[in-house]
Amino acid sequence: MSKTELKSSRRENAEAQIALRTARRGFLSATGAALGGAGLVAITGPKALAQAAPPTPRLNIDLVSRPNLSTIDVYKWVLHGGLSVFEPVLGTRPGMTLIAERNFLAAATTGTDGEPIKIFAPQRIHFNLYRRQKYVQDISVIISTEQQVSVLATSLLFVSVAAPPAITASIKTLFQAYDANRDGDPVLYASSNLPPGATANMFAIVPSYKLTKVGSPVVNNRNLIELLAFYDGSLGGTMVDATGQELNAYIRDEDLKLVPTYTEDLPAFPTAFADTHVVQVKDPTAPDASIFSNLVTGDSKGLDCVTTSVDHVRIMTLLSWPEFEVVPHGITIDLGCGVHIIITVPQLLTRSTSLVLWAYIGHAPNLMGLLLNQVLDCLVKAAVSGVVTGLVTLNYYAAAAAFEGEFEQDLLVYAGKDLTCLVPGIAVLTDSSPWQPH
């Protein structure tokens, strides 16, 4: 073989390898990405992984390869949609026209792990809190509606408007004729059967999907039920005020009532923020005093005073308060021929928590006797306020702000003095069970 022929042969081989890689990317991101949406998907196939030499192109596609099931449109369909089927807006490609649509296998109701595919749609329910028929505060609680779904992966074939009619017809026939059992690896099938004159930029396969409701929705609202029970005085637990009254008597005497106002659909589950005043301990009913000393030290940073003494008082105990969080959960769907798609859906986790609300105060060592008792009475009175005890289970920051306002007001009215160098606060000590999938 002459040098000219050798160069020509090498060039042709290089062009063939480029064409194969281009076809593989195009077909995988189209066929393997049959579920559209933004994000990352892992697509794997044993035939591709088994090839040893030369190295095959990487099969992780960082393009449009995963369905985004955590959108407000999907949530509204779960919560309010009368239709049993949800179809997203079809994708488009500039300079191309849609000529065919198909799905390569039946709809999936479970992943390869056998777990059902579920969507959890969040809502926030708002209430007005009244004390003795006077408005006090807005209180809200998050609930979720759970809906099992089936996912049908579809592929939309777009062909360039500039492609010759014969090539357009051939690409459509190739797309419609593919059979996983007969044709095997879709990448090899596509690259081996593209018609003469066809190039990868002449067509695109846009991923899409259809969701179908399976069964009836389930509302997860235990935390709502517990909140309502708290305010009607039937929730198990104890709370004391300055006179030693327990929870039920306090709720009744203060005439605390929740009145629902409106329900809000949320675009996502709110993120829970950690705070140093919410502490996980082994026994929240009998904590080490150093917990409160450390909190006073942190709270008093920047203050020009000395708070060497710390007192703390247990305010309220809830024996089994429901908590939840939502984490991403990957579900693998087998598309056949060794190709898998990993989609991400929200996974609801729940746990029960023993929750104890404590009030604490740092003060100068010369605060003692009757005056100290008056300050502690103010501390307890502010902490057992219906605003604080209700909000503290849902929003620590709002509870702390309400507590501080109540304490300052009560200190002036009840103790009759504007004392300096006081560092009051509330802390939530918890003992939680492990998170469990709902």
Foldseek 3Di string as FASTA:
>chain_A
DDPVVVVVVVVVVVVLLVQLLLLLLQCCCFQQQQAFDAAWKQKDFPVQVPDDPPHDPHRGDRGGRFHDCLFLVNLCCQVPNPDQKDWDDDDDDPQKDWDDKDFQDDWAQAFPVRHGAKAKFKKKWWWFKDWPNHTDDIDIDMKIKMFRKTKTGMKIKIFGPPDPPVQVVQVVCLVVPDHCVPQFDPSCSRSVRRDPPDGSVGMHIHHTMMIGTDDHMDIGCVLVVQLQCQLCQNADKFFQAPVGDTRSVVSVVRVIDIGTDDMGGDSHDDDDDDDLLEAEDPDPVDDDPVSQVVVLVVQCPPPPDDFPDKDKDWGMKHQWRKDKDKDWDWGWHDSHSRIIIIYIHIWIWMWTKIKIKMKMKTADPPQDDPLVSQLVNLRRNLCNPPQLVSCCVPPVVSNFVSSVVSSQVCCCVRSVDDDPGMRITMGMYMHMDDIDTD
